[in-house]
Amino acid sequence: LILSTLLGLAKDRTEAQSALKIYDQVRRPRTQYIVDSSRVTGR
């Protein structure tokens, strides 16, 4: 959802690079938290 939305706004490579930068900024904290949470939940 996030990648397709941001890349859908990008018109060229420069804007695509900005899209991936924002994707990393908004998705990495949430997803890495869930990876850690799942490990503990398994125990």
Full PDB file with SEQRES, HELIX, SHEET, SSBOND, CRYST1, ORIGX, SCALE, CONECT and MASTER records, all heavy atoms in Angstrom:
SEQRES   1 A   43  LEU ILE LEU SER THR LEU LEU GLY LEU ALA LYS ASP ARG          
SEQRES   2 A   43  THR GLU ALA GLN SER ALA LEU LYS ILE TYR ASP GLN VAL          
SEQRES   3 A   43  ARG ARG PRO ARG THR GLN TYR ILE VAL ASP SER SER ARG          
SEQRES   4 A   43  VAL THR GLY ARG                                              
HELIX    1 AA1 ILE A    2  LEU A    9  1                                   8    
HELIX    2 AA2 ARG A   13  GLY A   42  1                                  30    
CRYST1    1.000    1.000    1.000  90.00  90.00  90.00 P 1           1          
ORIGX1      1.000000  0.000000  0.000000        0.00000                         
ORIGX2      0.000000  1.000000  0.000000        0.00000                         
ORIGX3      0.000000  0.000000  1.000000        0.00000                         
SCALE1      1.000000  0.000000  0.000000        0.00000                         
SCALE2      0.000000  1.000000  0.000000        0.00000                         
SCALE3      0.000000  0.000000  1.000000        0.00000                         
ATOM      1  N   LEU A   1       0.831  -1.212   0.000  1.00  0.00           N  
ATOM      2  CA  LEU A   1       0.000   0.000   0.000  1.00  0.00           C  
ATOM      3  C   LEU A   1       0.861   1.255   0.000  1.00  0.00           C  
ATOM      4  O   LEU A   1       0.655   2.159  -0.822  1.00  0.00           O  
ATOM      5  CB  LEU A   1      -0.926  -0.006   1.217  1.00  0.00           C  
ATOM      6  CG  LEU A   1      -1.703   1.288   1.476  1.00  0.00           C  
ATOM      7  CD1 LEU A   1      -2.672   1.574   0.341  1.00  0.00           C  
ATOM      8  CD2 LEU A   1      -2.420   1.230   2.822  1.00  0.00           C  
ATOM      9  N   ILE A   2       1.844   1.332   0.905  1.00  0.00           N  
ATOM     10  CA  ILE A   2       2.661   2.535   1.021  1.00  0.00           C  
ATOM     11  C   ILE A   2       3.556   2.702  -0.200  1.00  0.00           C  
ATOM     12  O   ILE A   2       3.656   3.805  -0.781  1.00  0.00           O  
ATOM     13  CB  ILE A   2       3.504   2.493   2.310  1.00  0.00           C  
ATOM     14  CG1 ILE A   2       2.593   2.473   3.543  1.00  0.00           C  
ATOM     15  CG2 ILE A   2       4.453   3.697   2.370  1.00  0.00           C  
ATOM     16  CD1 ILE A   2       1.690   3.671   3.695  1.00  0.00           C  
ATOM     17  N   LEU A   3       4.224   1.647  -0.634  1.00  0.00           N  
ATOM     18  CA  LEU A   3       5.114   1.753  -1.793  1.00  0.00           C  
ATOM     19  C   LEU A   3       4.349   2.143  -3.054  1.00  0.00           C  
ATOM     20  O   LEU A   3       4.802   3.006  -3.824  1.00  0.00           O  
ATOM     21  CB  LEU A   3       5.835   0.418  -2.023  1.00  0.00           C  
ATOM     22  CG  LEU A   3       7.158   0.211  -1.301  1.00  0.00           C  
ATOM     23  CD1 LEU A   3       7.639  -1.220  -1.492  1.00  0.00           C  
ATOM     24  CD2 LEU A   3       8.211   1.203  -1.792  1.00  0.00           C  
ATOM     25  N   SER A   4       3.206   1.514  -3.290  1.00  0.00           N  
ATOM     26  CA  SER A   4       2.445   1.826  -4.511  1.00  0.00           C  
ATOM     27  C   SER A   4       1.900   3.242  -4.470  1.00  0.00           C  
ATOM     28  O   SER A   4       1.840   3.926  -5.502  1.00  0.00           O  
ATOM     29  CB  SER A   4       1.310   0.816  -4.702  1.00  0.00           C  
ATOM     30  OG  SER A   4       0.378   0.878  -3.627  1.00  0.00           O  
ATOM     31  N   THR A   5       1.504   3.711  -3.295  1.00  0.00           N  
ATOM     32  CA  THR A   5       1.006   5.085  -3.173  1.00  0.00           C  
ATOM     33  C   THR A   5       2.108   6.093  -3.455  1.00  0.00           C  
ATOM     34  O   THR A   5       1.927   7.036  -4.245  1.00  0.00           O  
ATOM     35  CB  THR A   5       0.430   5.327  -1.767  1.00  0.00           C  
ATOM     36  OG1 THR A   5      -0.666   4.437  -1.542  1.00  0.00           O  
ATOM     37  CG2 THR A   5      -0.052   6.767  -1.611  1.00  0.00           C  
ATOM     38  N   LEU A   6       3.273   5.896  -2.831  1.00  0.00           N  
ATOM     39  CA  LEU A   6       4.359   6.862  -2.992  1.00  0.00           C  
ATOM     40  C   LEU A   6       4.951   6.809  -4.400  1.00  0.00           C  
ATOM     41  O   LEU A   6       5.212   7.858  -5.012  1.00  0.00           O  
ATOM     42  CB  LEU A   6       5.448   6.588  -1.949  1.00  0.00           C  
ATOM     43  CG  LEU A   6       5.024   6.785  -0.489  1.00  0.00           C  
ATOM     44  CD1 LEU A   6       6.155   6.405   0.458  1.00  0.00           C  
ATOM     45  CD2 LEU A   6       4.585   8.237  -0.240  1.00  0.00           C  
ATOM     46  N   LEU A   7       5.159   5.621  -4.932  1.00  0.00           N  
ATOM     47  CA  LEU A   7       5.685   5.533  -6.300  1.00  0.00           C  
ATOM     48  C   LEU A   7       4.652   6.004  -7.314  1.00  0.00           C  
ATOM     49  O   LEU A   7       5.017   6.478  -8.396  1.00  0.00           O  
ATOM     50  CB  LEU A   7       6.113   4.097  -6.598  1.00  0.00           C  
ATOM     51  CG  LEU A   7       7.403   3.650  -5.891  1.00  0.00           C  
ATOM     52  CD1 LEU A   7       7.612   2.150  -6.062  1.00  0.00           C  
ATOM     53  CD2 LEU A   7       8.609   4.423  -6.425  1.00  0.00           C  
ATOM     54  N   GLY A   8       3.390   5.909  -6.970  1.00  0.00           N  
ATOM     55  CA  GLY A   8       2.352   6.441  -7.847  1.00  0.00           C  
ATOM     56  C   GLY A   8       2.413   7.948  -7.978  1.00  0.00           C  
ATOM     57  O   GLY A   8       1.903   8.526  -8.945  1.00  0.00           O  
ATOM     58  N   LEU A   9       3.067   8.608  -6.994  1.00  0.00           N  
ATOM     59  CA  LEU A   9       3.235  10.066  -7.051  1.00  0.00           C  
ATOM     60  C   LEU A   9       4.524  10.479  -7.743  1.00  0.00           C  
ATOM     61  O   LEU A   9       4.710  11.652  -8.063  1.00  0.00           O  
ATOM     62  CB  LEU A   9       3.240  10.637  -5.628  1.00  0.00           C  
ATOM     63  CG  LEU A   9       1.973  10.429  -4.791  1.00  0.00           C  
ATOM     64  CD1 LEU A   9       2.193  10.914  -3.361  1.00  0.00           C  
ATOM     65  CD2 LEU A   9       0.791  11.158  -5.423  1.00  0.00           C  
ATOM     66  N   ALA A  10       5.437   9.519  -7.950  1.00  0.00           N  
ATOM     67  CA  ALA A  10       6.759   9.834  -8.506  1.00  0.00           C  
ATOM     68  C   ALA A  10       6.707   9.897 -10.024  1.00  0.00           C  
ATOM     69  O   ALA A  10       6.165   9.002 -10.679  1.00  0.00           O  
ATOM     70  CB  ALA A  10       7.769   8.783  -8.053  1.00  0.00           C  
ATOM     71  N   LYS A  11       7.315  10.950 -10.582  1.00  0.00           N  
ATOM     72  CA  LYS A  11       7.315  11.136 -12.033  1.00  0.00           C  
ATOM     73  C   LYS A  11       8.644  10.756 -12.670  1.00  0.00           C  
ATOM     74  O   LYS A  11       8.722  10.569 -13.882  1.00  0.00           O  
ATOM     75  CB  LYS A  11       6.985  12.585 -12.375  1.00  0.00           C  
ATOM     76  CG  LYS A  11       5.646  13.074 -11.823  1.00  0.00           C  
ATOM     77  CD  LYS A  11       5.410  14.525 -12.220  1.00  0.00           C  
ATOM     78  CE  LYS A  11       4.149  15.088 -11.586  1.00  0.00           C  
ATOM     79  NZ  LYS A  11       4.256  15.149 -10.100  1.00  0.00           N  
ATOM     80  N   ASP A  12       9.709  10.694 -11.863  1.00  0.00           N  
ATOM     81  CA  ASP A  12      11.024  10.373 -12.413  1.00  0.00           C  
ATOM     82  C   ASP A  12      11.868   9.693 -11.339  1.00  0.00           C  
ATOM     83  O   ASP A  12      11.408   9.463 -10.217  1.00  0.00           O  
ATOM     84  CB  ASP A  12      11.720  11.642 -12.928  1.00  0.00           C  
ATOM     85  CG  ASP A  12      11.788  12.754 -11.879  1.00  0.00           C  
ATOM     86  OD1 ASP A  12      11.972  12.432 -10.675  1.00  0.00           O  
ATOM     87  OD2 ASP A  12      11.653  13.939 -12.238  1.00  0.00           O  
ATOM     88  N   ARG A  13      13.132   9.384 -11.678  1.00  0.00           N  
ATOM     89  CA  ARG A  13      13.992   8.662 -10.744  1.00  0.00           C  
ATOM     90  C   ARG A  13      14.254   9.455  -9.471  1.00  0.00           C  
ATOM     91  O   ARG A  13      14.334   8.890  -8.372  1.00  0.00           O  
ATOM     92  CB  ARG A  13      15.320   8.310 -11.422  1.00  0.00           C  
ATOM     93  CG  ARG A  13      15.236   7.101 -12.332  1.00  0.00           C  
ATOM     94  CD  ARG A  13      16.617   6.648 -12.752  1.00  0.00           C  
ATOM     95  NE  ARG A  13      17.295   7.598 -13.606  1.00  0.00           N  
ATOM     96  CZ  ARG A  13      17.268   7.584 -14.930  1.00  0.00           C  
ATOM     97  NH1 ARG A  13      16.575   6.647 -15.562  1.00  0.00           N  
ATOM     98  NH2 ARG A  13      17.929   8.471 -15.635  1.00  0.00           N  
ATOM     99  N   THR A  14      14.413  10.754  -9.593  1.00  0.00           N  
ATOM    100  CA  THR A  14      14.683  11.575  -8.405  1.00  0.00           C  
ATOM    101  C   THR A  14      13.519  11.502  -7.428  1.00  0.00           C  
ATOM    102  O   THR A  14      13.708  11.334  -6.215  1.00  0.00           O  
ATOM    103  CB  THR A  14      14.939  13.031  -8.805  1.00  0.00           C  
ATOM    104  OG1 THR A  14      16.076  13.085  -9.676  1.00  0.00           O  
ATOM    105  CG2 THR A  14      15.203  13.894  -7.587  1.00  0.00           C  
ATOM    106  N   GLU A  15      12.312  11.617  -7.954  1.00  0.00           N  
ATOM    107  CA  GLU A  15      11.138  11.539  -7.088  1.00  0.00           C  
ATOM    108  C   GLU A  15      10.928  10.118  -6.563  1.00  0.00           C  
ATOM    109  O   GLU A  15      10.459   9.928  -5.432  1.00  0.00           O  
ATOM    110  CB  GLU A  15       9.897  12.033  -7.835  1.00  0.00           C  
ATOM    111  CG  GLU A  15       9.974  13.530  -8.171  1.00  0.00           C  
ATOM    112  CD  GLU A  15       8.692  14.080  -8.758  1.00  0.00           C  
ATOM    113  OE1 GLU A  15       7.753  13.283  -8.983  1.00  0.00           O  
ATOM    114  OE2 GLU A  15       8.624  15.307  -8.976  1.00  0.00           O  
ATOM    115  N   ALA A  16      11.305   9.126  -7.358  1.00  0.00           N  
ATOM    116  CA  ALA A  16      11.219   7.742  -6.887  1.00  0.00           C  
ATOM    117  C   ALA A  16      12.160   7.502  -5.718  1.00  0.00           C  
ATOM    118  O   ALA A  16      11.827   6.795  -4.765  1.00  0.00           O  
ATOM    119  CB  ALA A  16      11.538   6.783  -8.030  1.00  0.00           C  
ATOM    120  N   GLN A  17      13.339   8.110  -5.768  1.00  0.00           N  
ATOM    121  CA  GLN A  17      14.276   7.984  -4.654  1.00  0.00           C  
ATOM    122  C   GLN A  17      13.686   8.590  -3.384  1.00  0.00           C  
ATOM    123  O   GLN A  17      13.823   8.029  -2.296  1.00  0.00           O  
ATOM    124  CB  GLN A  17      15.604   8.665  -4.999  1.00  0.00           C  
ATOM    125  CG  GLN A  17      16.657   8.535  -3.913  1.00  0.00           C  
ATOM    126  CD  GLN A  17      18.028   8.995  -4.368  1.00  0.00           C  
ATOM    127  OE1 GLN A  17      18.335   8.991  -5.557  1.00  0.00           O  
ATOM    128  NE2 GLN A  17      18.864   9.395  -3.420  1.00  0.00           N  
ATOM    129  N   SER A  18      13.003   9.716  -3.521  1.00  0.00           N  
ATOM    130  CA  SER A  18      12.318  10.314  -2.371  1.00  0.00           C  
ATOM    131  C   SER A  18      11.226   9.391  -1.854  1.00  0.00           C  
ATOM    132  O   SER A  18      11.025   9.257  -0.635  1.00  0.00           O  
ATOM    133  CB  SER A  18      11.718  11.665  -2.764  1.00  0.00           C  
ATOM    134  OG  SER A  18      12.727  12.598  -3.110  1.00  0.00           O  
ATOM    135  N   ALA A  19      10.520   8.730  -2.766  1.00  0.00           N  
ATOM    136  CA  ALA A  19       9.459   7.812  -2.363  1.00  0.00           C  
ATOM    137  C   ALA A  19      10.018   6.670  -1.518  1.00  0.00           C  
ATOM    138  O   ALA A  19       9.447   6.311  -0.475  1.00  0.00           O  
ATOM    139  CB  ALA A  19       8.752   7.260  -3.600  1.00  0.00           C  
ATOM    140  N   LEU A  20      11.152   6.117  -1.937  1.00  0.00           N  
ATOM    141  CA  LEU A  20      11.742   5.009  -1.187  1.00  0.00           C  
ATOM    142  C   LEU A  20      12.302   5.482   0.148  1.00  0.00           C  
ATOM    143  O   LEU A  20      12.277   4.741   1.137  1.00  0.00           O  
ATOM    144  CB  LEU A  20      12.832   4.327  -2.009  1.00  0.00           C  
ATOM    145  CG  LEU A  20      12.395   3.703  -3.344  1.00  0.00           C  
ATOM    146  CD1 LEU A  20      13.511   2.820  -3.894  1.00  0.00           C  
ATOM    147  CD2 LEU A  20      11.110   2.912  -3.214  1.00  0.00           C  
ATOM    148  N   LYS A  21      12.800   6.693   0.192  1.00  0.00           N  
ATOM    149  CA  LYS A  21      13.292   7.264   1.447  1.00  0.00           C  
ATOM    150  C   LYS A  21      12.157   7.374   2.465  1.00  0.00           C  
ATOM    151  O   LYS A  21      12.316   7.009   3.647  1.00  0.00           O  
ATOM    152  CB  LYS A  21      13.915   8.636   1.188  1.00  0.00           C  
ATOM    153  CG  LYS A  21      14.380   9.356   2.445  1.00  0.00           C  
ATOM    154  CD  LYS A  21      14.930  10.737   2.105  1.00  0.00           C  
ATOM    155  CE  LYS A  21      15.308  11.505   3.378  1.00  0.00           C  
ATOM    156  NZ  LYS A  21      15.829  12.867   3.051  1.00  0.00           N  
ATOM    157  N   ILE A  22      11.005   7.879   2.018  1.00  0.00           N  
ATOM    158  CA  ILE A  22       9.854   8.018   2.918  1.00  0.00           C  
ATOM    159  C   ILE A  22       9.311   6.642   3.301  1.00  0.00           C  
ATOM    160  O   ILE A  22       8.934   6.414   4.469  1.00  0.00           O  
ATOM    161  CB  ILE A  22       8.753   8.873   2.255  1.00  0.00           C  
ATOM    162  CG1 ILE A  22       9.290  10.279   1.940  1.00  0.00           C  
ATOM    163  CG2 ILE A  22       7.527   8.949   3.160  1.00  0.00           C  
ATOM    164  CD1 ILE A  22       9.838  11.026   3.131  1.00  0.00           C  
ATOM    165  N   TYR A  23       9.265   5.728   2.352  1.00  0.00           N  
ATOM    166  CA  TYR A  23       8.833   4.358   2.657  1.00  0.00           C  
ATOM    167  C   TYR A  23       9.663   3.775   3.792  1.00  0.00           C  
ATOM    168  O   TYR A  23       9.125   3.219   4.757  1.00  0.00           O  
ATOM    169  CB  TYR A  23       8.951   3.501   1.395  1.00  0.00           C  
ATOM    170  CG  TYR A  23       9.076   2.016   1.668  1.00  0.00           C  
ATOM    171  CD1 TYR A  23       7.970   1.261   2.063  1.00  0.00           C  
ATOM    172  CD2 TYR A  23      10.312   1.369   1.535  1.00  0.00           C  
ATOM    173  CE1 TYR A  23       8.094  -0.092   2.317  1.00  0.00           C  
ATOM    174  CE2 TYR A  23      10.434   0.011   1.788  1.00  0.00           C  
ATOM    175  CZ  TYR A  23       9.336  -0.717   2.180  1.00  0.00           C  
ATOM    176  OH  TYR A  23       9.472  -2.054   2.442  1.00  0.00           O  
ATOM    177  N   ASP A  24      10.978   3.894   3.701  1.00  0.00           N  
ATOM    178  CA  ASP A  24      11.851   3.381   4.750  1.00  0.00           C  
ATOM    179  C   ASP A  24      11.561   4.076   6.085  1.00  0.00           C  
ATOM    180  O   ASP A  24      11.500   3.429   7.142  1.00  0.00           O  
ATOM    181  CB  ASP A  24      13.316   3.598   4.359  1.00  0.00           C  
ATOM    182  CG  ASP A  24      14.269   3.235   5.483  1.00  0.00           C  
ATOM    183  OD1 ASP A  24      14.359   2.049   5.838  1.00  0.00           O  
ATOM    184  OD2 ASP A  24      14.922   4.157   6.025  1.00  0.00           O  
ATOM    185  N   GLN A  25      11.341   5.350   6.043  1.00  0.00           N  
ATOM    186  CA  GLN A  25      11.113   6.140   7.257  1.00  0.00           C  
ATOM    187  C   GLN A  25       9.842   5.718   7.980  1.00  0.00           C  
ATOM    188  O   GLN A  25       9.818   5.634   9.215  1.00  0.00           O  
ATOM    189  CB  GLN A  25      11.041   7.621   6.876  1.00  0.00           C  
ATOM    190  CG  GLN A  25      10.807   8.561   8.032  1.00  0.00           C  
ATOM    191  CD  GLN A  25      10.772  10.026   7.575  1.00  0.00           C  
ATOM    192  OE1 GLN A  25      11.354  10.385   6.551  1.00  0.00           O  
ATOM    193  NE2 GLN A  25      10.064  10.861   8.313  1.00  0.00           N  
ATOM    194  N   VAL A  26       8.788   5.429   7.223  1.00  0.00           N  
ATOM    195  CA  VAL A  26       7.503   5.149   7.875  1.00  0.00           C  
ATOM    196  C   VAL A  26       7.276   3.662   8.147  1.00  0.00           C  
ATOM    197  O   VAL A  26       6.552   3.300   9.077  1.00  0.00           O  
ATOM    198  CB  VAL A  26       6.319   5.712   7.044  1.00  0.00           C  
ATOM    199  CG1 VAL A  26       6.452   7.216   6.873  1.00  0.00           C  
ATOM    200  CG2 VAL A  26       6.202   5.030   5.686  1.00  0.00           C  
ATOM    201  N   ARG A  27       7.916   2.781   7.377  1.00  0.00           N  
ATOM    202  CA  ARG A  27       7.631   1.357   7.530  1.00  0.00           C  
ATOM    203  C   ARG A  27       8.612   0.629   8.452  1.00  0.00           C  
ATOM    204  O   ARG A  27       8.230  -0.342   9.118  1.00  0.00           O  
ATOM    205  CB  ARG A  27       7.644   0.666   6.151  1.00  0.00           C  
ATOM    206  CG  ARG A  27       6.488   1.060   5.257  1.00  0.00           C  
ATOM    207  CD  ARG A  27       5.156   0.693   5.841  1.00  0.00           C  
ATOM    208  NE  ARG A  27       5.032  -0.757   6.041  1.00  0.00           N  
ATOM    209  CZ  ARG A  27       4.208  -1.314   6.906  1.00  0.00           C  
ATOM    210  NH1 ARG A  27       3.429  -0.567   7.679  1.00  0.00           N  
ATOM    211  NH2 ARG A  27       4.149  -2.639   7.029  1.00  0.00           N  
ATOM    212  N   ARG A  28       9.859   1.060   8.508  1.00  0.00           N  
ATOM    213  CA  ARG A  28      10.858   0.286   9.242  1.00  0.00           C  
ATOM    214  C   ARG A  28      10.562   0.199  10.748  1.00  0.00           C  
ATOM    215  O   ARG A  28      10.632  -0.897  11.327  1.00  0.00           O  
ATOM    216  CB  ARG A  28      12.258   0.838   8.966  1.00  0.00           C  
ATOM    217  CG  ARG A  28      13.385  -0.013   9.517  1.00  0.00           C  
ATOM    218  CD  ARG A  28      14.692   0.218   8.761  1.00  0.00           C  
ATOM    219  NE  ARG A  28      14.948   1.611   8.506  1.00  0.00           N  
ATOM    220  CZ  ARG A  28      15.618   2.439   9.318  1.00  0.00           C  
ATOM    221  NH1 ARG A  28      16.117   1.976  10.454  1.00  0.00           N  
ATOM    222  NH2 ARG A  28      15.814   3.699   9.003  1.00  0.00           N  
ATOM    223  N   PRO A  29      10.230   1.302  11.427  1.00  0.00           N  
ATOM    224  CA  PRO A  29       9.985   1.181  12.869  1.00  0.00           C  
ATOM    225  C   PRO A  29       8.842   0.221  13.205  1.00  0.00           C  
ATOM    226  O   PRO A  29       8.973  -0.605  14.121  1.00  0.00           O  
ATOM    227  CB  PRO A  29       9.657   2.614  13.288  1.00  0.00           C  
ATOM    228  CG  PRO A  29      10.306   3.473  12.251  1.00  0.00           C  
ATOM    229  CD  PRO A  29      10.175   2.717  10.973  1.00  0.00           C  
ATOM    230  N   ARG A  30       7.745   0.303  12.491  1.00  0.00           N  
ATOM    231  CA  ARG A  30       6.594  -0.555  12.789  1.00  0.00           C  
ATOM    232  C   ARG A  30       6.921  -2.028  12.529  1.00  0.00           C  
ATOM    233  O   ARG A  30       6.665  -2.892  13.377  1.00  0.00           O  
ATOM    234  CB  ARG A  30       5.385  -0.139  11.938  1.00  0.00           C  
ATOM    235  CG  ARG A  30       4.221  -1.132  12.016  1.00  0.00           C  
ATOM    236  CD  ARG A  30       2.969  -0.582  11.357  1.00  0.00           C  
ATOM    237  NE  ARG A  30       1.947  -1.598  11.169  1.00  0.00           N  
ATOM    238  CZ  ARG A  30       1.154  -2.073  12.141  1.00  0.00           C  
ATOM    239  NH1 ARG A  30       1.278  -1.633  13.362  1.00  0.00           N  
ATOM    240  NH2 ARG A  30       0.243  -2.982  11.872  1.00  0.00           N  
ATOM    241  N   THR A  31       7.496  -2.312  11.383  1.00  0.00           N  
ATOM    242  CA  THR A  31       7.721  -3.705  11.028  1.00  0.00           C  
ATOM    243  C   THR A  31       8.777  -4.358  11.910  1.00  0.00           C  
ATOM    244  O   THR A  31       8.647  -5.530  12.286  1.00  0.00           O  
ATOM    245  CB  THR A  31       8.111  -3.831   9.554  1.00  0.00           C  
ATOM    246  OG1 THR A  31       9.241  -2.982   9.271  1.00  0.00           O  
ATOM    247  CG2 THR A  31       6.954  -3.424   8.643  1.00  0.00           C  
ATOM    248  N   GLN A  32       9.818  -3.628  12.282  1.00  0.00           N  
ATOM    249  CA  GLN A  32      10.843  -4.226  13.133  1.00  0.00           C  
ATOM    250  C   GLN A  32      10.319  -4.445  14.553  1.00  0.00           C  
ATOM    251  O   GLN A  32      10.708  -5.412  15.213  1.00  0.00           O  
ATOM    252  CB  GLN A  32      12.101  -3.361  13.117  1.00  0.00           C  
ATOM    253  CG  GLN A  32      12.775  -3.385  11.738  1.00  0.00           C  
ATOM    254  CD  GLN A  32      14.094  -2.646  11.681  1.00  0.00           C  
ATOM    255  OE1 GLN A  32      14.431  -1.857  12.562  1.00  0.00           O  
ATOM    256  NE2 GLN A  32      14.848  -2.887  10.633  1.00  0.00           N  
ATOM    257  N   TYR A  33       9.432  -3.582  15.006  1.00  0.00           N  
ATOM    258  CA  TYR A  33       8.784  -3.808  16.305  1.00  0.00           C  
ATOM    259  C   TYR A  33       7.994  -5.113  16.279  1.00  0.00           C  
ATOM    260  O   TYR A  33       8.033  -5.903  17.237  1.00  0.00           O  
ATOM    261  CB  TYR A  33       7.863  -2.632  16.638  1.00  0.00           C  
ATOM    262  CG  TYR A  33       7.081  -2.823  17.923  1.00  0.00           C  
ATOM    263  CD1 TYR A  33       7.568  -2.345  19.139  1.00  0.00           C  
ATOM    264  CD2 TYR A  33       5.861  -3.505  17.924  1.00  0.00           C  
ATOM    265  CE1 TYR A  33       6.853  -2.530  20.321  1.00  0.00           C  
ATOM    266  CE2 TYR A  33       5.142  -3.698  19.092  1.00  0.00           C  
ATOM    267  CZ  TYR A  33       5.643  -3.210  20.289  1.00  0.00           C  
ATOM    268  OH  TYR A  33       4.937  -3.418  21.456  1.00  0.00           O  
ATOM    269  N   ILE A  34       7.267  -5.358  15.185  1.00  0.00           N  
ATOM    270  CA  ILE A  34       6.434  -6.554  15.097  1.00  0.00           C  
ATOM    271  C   ILE A  34       7.293  -7.810  15.045  1.00  0.00           C  
ATOM    272  O   ILE A  34       6.945  -8.843  15.646  1.00  0.00           O  
ATOM    273  CB  ILE A  34       5.491  -6.460  13.879  1.00  0.00           C  
ATOM    274  CG1 ILE A  34       4.464  -5.336  14.096  1.00  0.00           C  
ATOM    275  CG2 ILE A  34       4.778  -7.787  13.635  1.00  0.00           C  
ATOM    276  CD1 ILE A  34       3.586  -5.051  12.898  1.00  0.00           C  
ATOM    277  N   VAL A  35       8.416  -7.770  14.344  1.00  0.00           N  
ATOM    278  CA  VAL A  35       9.324  -8.919  14.319  1.00  0.00           C  
ATOM    279  C   VAL A  35       9.762  -9.278  15.746  1.00  0.00           C  
ATOM    280  O   VAL A  35       9.746 -10.446  16.152  1.00  0.00           O  
ATOM    281  CB  VAL A  35      10.554  -8.633  13.441  1.00  0.00           C  
ATOM    282  CG1 VAL A  35      11.601  -9.745  13.590  1.00  0.00           C  
ATOM    283  CG2 VAL A  35      10.153  -8.490  11.972  1.00  0.00           C  
ATOM    284  N   ASP A  36      10.152  -8.264  16.523  1.00  0.00           N  
ATOM    285  CA  ASP A  36      10.584  -8.499  17.904  1.00  0.00           C  
ATOM    286  C   ASP A  36       9.435  -9.000  18.772  1.00  0.00           C  
ATOM    287  O   ASP A  36       9.603  -9.899  19.600  1.00  0.00           O  
ATOM    288  CB  ASP A  36      11.167  -7.214  18.498  1.00  0.00           C  
ATOM    289  CG  ASP A  36      12.477  -6.803  17.828  1.00  0.00           C  
ATOM    290  OD1 ASP A  36      13.138  -7.675  17.233  1.00  0.00           O  
ATOM    291  OD2 ASP A  36      12.824  -5.610  17.899  1.00  0.00           O  
ATOM    292  N   SER A  37       8.255  -8.414  18.577  1.00  0.00           N  
ATOM    293  CA  SER A  37       7.087  -8.822  19.356  1.00  0.00           C  
ATOM    294  C   SER A  37       6.716 -10.270  19.077  1.00  0.00           C  
ATOM    295  O   SER A  37       6.389 -11.034  19.987  1.00  0.00           O  
ATOM    296  CB  SER A  37       5.906  -7.914  19.041  1.00  0.00           C  
ATOM    297  OG  SER A  37       4.735  -8.338  19.711  1.00  0.00           O  
ATOM    298  N   SER A  38       6.771 -10.674  17.806  1.00  0.00           N  
ATOM    299  CA  SER A  38       6.413 -12.035  17.438  1.00  0.00           C  
ATOM    300  C   SER A  38       7.346 -13.048  18.086  1.00  0.00           C  
ATOM    301  O   SER A  38       6.913 -14.111  18.554  1.00  0.00           O  
ATOM    302  CB  SER A  38       6.443 -12.190  15.912  1.00  0.00           C  
ATOM    303  OG  SER A  38       6.100 -13.504  15.533  1.00  0.00           O  
ATOM    304  N   ARG A  39       8.631 -12.721  18.143  1.00  0.00           N  
ATOM    305  CA  ARG A  39       9.596 -13.642  18.754  1.00  0.00           C  
ATOM    306  C   ARG A  39       9.241 -13.904  20.218  1.00  0.00           C  
ATOM    307  O   ARG A  39       9.225 -15.047  20.680  1.00  0.00           O  
ATOM    308  CB  ARG A  39      11.009 -13.069  18.647  1.00  0.00           C  
ATOM    309  CG  ARG A  39      12.093 -14.008  19.171  1.00  0.00           C  
ATOM    310  CD  ARG A  39      13.450 -13.333  19.290  1.00  0.00           C  
ATOM    311  NE  ARG A  39      13.684 -12.409  18.211  1.00  0.00           N  
ATOM    312  CZ  ARG A  39      13.743 -11.087  18.347  1.00  0.00           C  
ATOM    313  NH1 ARG A  39      13.587 -10.530  19.553  1.00  0.00           N  
ATOM    314  NH2 ARG A  39      13.965 -10.311  17.318  1.00  0.00           N  
ATOM    315  N   VAL A  40       8.945 -12.842  20.961  1.00  0.00           N  
ATOM    316  CA  VAL A  40       8.595 -12.982  22.375  1.00  0.00           C  
ATOM    317  C   VAL A  40       7.264 -13.703  22.526  1.00  0.00           C  
ATOM    318  O   VAL A  40       7.095 -14.565  23.401  1.00  0.00           O  
ATOM    319  CB  VAL A  40       8.546 -11.593  23.048  1.00  0.00           C  
ATOM    320  CG1 VAL A  40       8.075 -11.718  24.490  1.00  0.00           C  
ATOM    321  CG2 VAL A  40       9.919 -10.920  22.990  1.00  0.00           C  
ATOM    322  N   THR A  41       6.302 -13.385  21.666  1.00  0.00           N  
ATOM    323  CA  THR A  41       4.991 -14.019  21.720  1.00  0.00           C  
ATOM    324  C   THR A  41       5.104 -15.522  21.532  1.00  0.00           C  
ATOM    325  O   THR A  41       4.382 -16.303  22.180  1.00  0.00           O  
ATOM    326  CB  THR A  41       4.062 -13.416  20.656  1.00  0.00           C  
ATOM    327  OG1 THR A  41       3.920 -12.007  20.886  1.00  0.00           O  
ATOM    328  CG2 THR A  41       2.682 -14.062  20.684  1.00  0.00           C  
ATOM    329  N   GLY A  42       6.016 -15.944  20.657  1.00  0.00           N  
ATOM    330  CA  GLY A  42       6.202 -17.370  20.425  1.00  0.00           C  
ATOM    331  C   GLY A  42       6.599 -18.118  21.675  1.00  0.00           C  
ATOM    332  O   GLY A  42       6.110 -19.232  21.938  1.00  0.00           O  
ATOM    333  N   ARG A  43       7.491 -17.536  22.472  1.00  0.00           N  
ATOM    334  CA  ARG A  43       7.876 -18.193  23.726  1.00  0.00           C  
ATOM    335  C   ARG A  43       6.683 -18.297  24.671  1.00  0.00           C  
ATOM    336  O   ARG A  43       6.483 -19.330  25.329  1.00  0.00           O  
ATOM    337  CB  ARG A  43       9.009 -17.404  24.391  1.00  0.00           C  
ATOM    338  CG  ARG A  43      10.238 -17.139  23.544  1.00  0.00           C  
ATOM    339  CD  ARG A  43      11.059 -18.365  23.273  1.00  0.00           C  
ATOM    340  NE  ARG A  43      11.661 -18.956  24.457  1.00  0.00           N  
ATOM    341  CZ  ARG A  43      12.594 -19.917  24.406  1.00  0.00           C  
ATOM    342  NH1 ARG A  43      13.033 -20.357  23.236  1.00  0.00           N  
ATOM    343  NH2 ARG A  43      13.095 -20.433  25.514  1.00  0.00           N  
TER     344      ARG A  43                                                      
MASTER        0    0    0    2    0    0    0    6  343    1    0    4          
END                                                                             
